[in-house]
N, C-alpha and C. Protein backbone atom coordinates (compact mmCIF):
# COMPACT_ATOMS: atom_id res chain seq x y z
N MET A 1 -10.91 -39.18 -3.37
CA MET A 1 -9.80 -38.40 -3.80
C MET A 1 -8.86 -38.79 -5.16
N GLU A 2 -8.10 -38.44 -5.88
CA GLU A 2 -7.54 -38.97 -6.87
C GLU A 2 -6.55 -40.04 -6.16
N PHE A 3 -6.22 -39.77 -5.38
CA PHE A 3 -5.37 -40.66 -4.49
C PHE A 3 -5.66 -42.59 -4.28
N GLU A 4 -6.99 -42.27 -3.90
CA GLU A 4 -7.70 -43.34 -3.58
C GLU A 4 -8.18 -44.01 -4.98
N ASN A 5 -8.61 -42.94 -5.73
CA ASN A 5 -8.68 -44.23 -7.26
C ASN A 5 -7.62 -44.84 -8.17
N TRP A 6 -6.90 -44.37 -7.85
CA TRP A 6 -5.20 -44.52 -8.08
C TRP A 6 -4.91 -45.72 -7.23
N GLN A 7 -5.57 -45.90 -5.86
CA GLN A 7 -4.51 -46.70 -5.08
C GLN A 7 -3.20 -47.03 -4.54
N VAL A 8 -3.09 -45.35 -4.64
CA VAL A 8 -1.23 -44.91 -3.93
C VAL A 8 -1.21 -45.06 -2.68
N SER A 9 -0.03 -45.32 -2.51
CA SER A 9 0.13 -45.83 -0.95
C SER A 9 -0.13 -44.55 -0.02
N SER A 10 -0.28 -44.26 1.33
CA SER A 10 -0.42 -43.52 2.36
C SER A 10 1.08 -42.62 2.36
N THR A 11 2.40 -43.42 2.18
CA THR A 11 3.77 -43.04 2.07
C THR A 11 3.66 -42.21 0.84
N MET A 12 3.58 -42.77 -0.48
CA MET A 12 3.37 -41.71 -1.59
C MET A 12 2.61 -40.92 -1.49
N ARG A 13 1.49 -40.78 -0.90
CA ARG A 13 0.81 -39.31 -0.72
C ARG A 13 1.23 -38.76 0.00
N GLU A 14 2.08 -38.94 1.52
CA GLU A 14 2.72 -38.38 1.83
C GLU A 14 3.81 -37.12 1.73
N LEU A 15 4.52 -37.91 1.03
CA LEU A 15 5.40 -37.39 -0.16
C LEU A 15 5.07 -36.49 -0.91
N VAL A 16 4.26 -36.98 -1.77
CA VAL A 16 3.35 -35.94 -2.57
C VAL A 16 3.09 -34.52 -2.00
N ARG A 17 2.50 -34.60 -0.84
CA ARG A 17 1.98 -33.32 0.06
C ARG A 17 3.32 -32.71 0.34
N GLN A 18 4.09 -33.30 0.81
CA GLN A 18 5.29 -32.90 1.32
C GLN A 18 5.87 -31.59 0.03
N GLU A 19 6.21 -32.36 -1.14
CA GLU A 19 6.96 -31.40 -2.33
C GLU A 19 6.03 -30.26 -2.50
N ASN A 20 4.27 -30.46 -2.30
CA ASN A 20 3.53 -29.82 -2.49
C ASN A 20 3.63 -28.48 -1.85
N VAL A 21 3.79 -28.63 -0.29
CA VAL A 21 4.05 -27.88 0.52
C VAL A 21 5.32 -26.76 -0.09
N LYS A 22 6.48 -28.10 -0.09
CA LYS A 22 7.92 -27.35 -0.25
C LYS A 22 7.55 -26.01 -1.27
N HIS A 23 6.65 -26.91 -2.43
CA HIS A 23 6.67 -26.24 -3.54
C HIS A 23 5.73 -24.38 -3.25
N GLU A 24 4.96 -25.02 -2.68
CA GLU A 24 4.18 -23.61 -2.19
C GLU A 24 4.83 -22.30 -1.26
N LEU A 25 5.47 -23.14 -0.65
CA LEU A 25 6.60 -22.15 0.33
C LEU A 25 7.86 -21.59 -0.89
N SER A 26 8.02 -22.41 -1.80
CA SER A 26 9.16 -20.97 -2.15
C SER A 26 8.31 -20.31 -3.09
N LEU A 27 7.00 -20.49 -3.58
CA LEU A 27 6.24 -19.80 -4.20
C LEU A 27 6.11 -18.32 -3.67
N LEU A 28 5.75 -18.94 -2.12
CA LEU A 28 5.17 -17.41 -1.46
C LEU A 28 6.33 -16.64 -1.33
N ALA A 29 7.70 -17.36 -1.11
CA ALA A 29 8.87 -16.74 -0.61
C ALA A 29 9.51 -16.14 -2.04
N ALA A 30 9.19 -16.35 -2.73
CA ALA A 30 9.61 -15.44 -4.04
C ALA A 30 8.47 -14.03 -4.27
N GLN A 31 7.25 -14.69 -4.01
CA GLN A 31 6.12 -13.28 -4.01
C GLN A 31 6.77 -12.45 -3.32
N GLN A 32 7.09 -13.07 -1.61
CA GLN A 32 7.34 -11.97 -0.68
C GLN A 32 9.02 -11.73 -1.32
N GLU A 33 9.07 -11.91 -1.88
CA GLU A 33 10.41 -10.97 -1.85
C GLU A 33 10.18 -9.77 -2.86
N LYS A 34 9.23 -10.72 -3.89
CA LYS A 34 8.83 -9.24 -5.10
C LYS A 34 8.38 -8.24 -4.72
N VAL A 35 7.36 -8.40 -3.43
CA VAL A 35 6.74 -7.35 -2.73
C VAL A 35 7.33 -6.54 -2.20
N ARG A 36 8.67 -7.05 -1.29
CA ARG A 36 9.25 -6.35 -0.72
C ARG A 36 9.97 -5.51 -1.54
N LYS A 37 10.58 -5.81 -2.78
CA LYS A 37 11.21 -5.07 -3.58
C LYS A 37 10.40 -3.84 -4.14
N TYR A 38 9.26 -4.26 -4.06
CA TYR A 38 8.54 -3.12 -4.55
C TYR A 38 8.33 -2.01 -3.72
N GLN A 39 8.06 -2.57 -2.42
CA GLN A 39 8.17 -1.78 -1.53
C GLN A 39 8.92 -0.73 -1.08
N VAL A 40 10.61 -1.27 -1.31
CA VAL A 40 11.72 -0.73 -1.07
C VAL A 40 11.51 0.79 -2.35
N TYR A 41 11.09 0.45 -3.59
CA TYR A 41 11.14 1.16 -4.68
C TYR A 41 10.24 2.25 -4.86
N TYR A 42 8.87 2.10 -3.87
CA TYR A 42 7.81 2.94 -3.39
C TYR A 42 8.37 3.75 -2.19
N VAL A 43 9.06 3.26 -1.23
CA VAL A 43 9.25 4.28 0.00
C VAL A 43 11.03 5.35 -0.85
N LYS A 44 11.39 5.14 -1.92
CA LYS A 44 12.59 5.43 -2.57
C LYS A 44 11.92 6.64 -3.48
N THR A 45 10.69 6.13 -3.88
CA THR A 45 10.09 6.89 -4.68
C THR A 45 9.33 8.30 -4.42
N ILE A 46 8.80 7.88 -2.66
CA ILE A 46 8.12 8.71 -2.09
C ILE A 46 9.51 9.84 -1.75
N GLU A 47 10.37 9.49 -1.06
CA GLU A 47 11.55 9.99 -0.69
C GLU A 47 11.90 11.18 -2.12
N LEU A 48 12.00 10.96 -3.07
CA LEU A 48 12.21 11.71 -3.92
C LEU A 48 11.29 13.14 -4.26
N LEU A 49 10.18 12.47 -4.28
CA LEU A 49 9.14 13.36 -3.97
C LEU A 49 9.28 14.27 -3.18
N TYR A 50 9.08 13.97 -2.12
CA TYR A 50 9.28 14.82 -0.62
C TYR A 50 10.55 15.67 -0.71
N PHE A 51 11.77 15.38 -1.59
CA PHE A 51 12.72 16.14 -1.83
C PHE A 51 12.79 16.98 -3.02
N PHE A 52 12.14 16.76 -4.02
CA PHE A 52 11.54 17.75 -5.01
C PHE A 52 10.93 18.83 -4.04
N TYR A 53 9.57 18.16 -3.70
CA TYR A 53 8.59 18.89 -2.76
C TYR A 53 9.52 20.34 -1.97
N ILE A 54 10.51 19.88 -1.30
CA ILE A 54 11.28 20.86 -0.19
C ILE A 54 11.78 21.81 -0.80
N CYS A 55 12.47 21.31 -2.04
CA CYS A 55 13.25 22.15 -3.21
C CYS A 55 12.65 22.97 -3.60
N CYS A 56 11.54 22.82 -3.98
CA CYS A 56 10.84 23.94 -4.80
C CYS A 56 10.14 24.96 -3.82
N TYR A 57 9.69 24.25 -2.63
CA TYR A 57 9.18 25.37 -1.32
C TYR A 57 10.61 26.48 -0.89
N ILE A 58 11.88 25.85 -0.73
CA ILE A 58 12.64 26.60 -0.46
C ILE A 58 13.17 27.58 -1.73
N ILE A 59 13.19 27.43 -2.70
CA ILE A 59 13.19 27.99 -3.80
C ILE A 59 12.37 29.33 -3.91
N SER A 60 10.79 28.82 -3.99
CA SER A 60 9.76 29.87 -3.93
C SER A 60 9.65 30.62 -2.89
N PHE A 61 10.22 30.38 -1.87
CA PHE A 61 10.77 31.05 -0.75
C PHE A 61 11.47 32.22 -0.85
N PHE A 62 12.71 31.58 -1.00
CA PHE A 62 13.52 33.10 -1.44
C PHE A 62 13.61 33.73 -2.70
N PHE A 63 12.56 33.17 -3.73
CA PHE A 63 12.91 33.58 -4.77
C PHE A 63 11.84 34.36 -5.33
N PHE A 64 10.67 34.34 -4.77
CA PHE A 64 9.55 35.13 -4.82
C PHE A 64 8.74 35.36 -4.01
């Protein structure tokens, strides 16, 4: 490993590892939040399409 070549102490290795874990978890949380926003947007879009579909069906049923 690079740490062994640099002769870094085990304490420093652990600190770097912990910081890497924190960074990865923050990236994962940001990614999950973005996915959640897209899922909400997708559901709202589908609901809107269903609403228009129902409206068109009702209009065609009564007027044609």
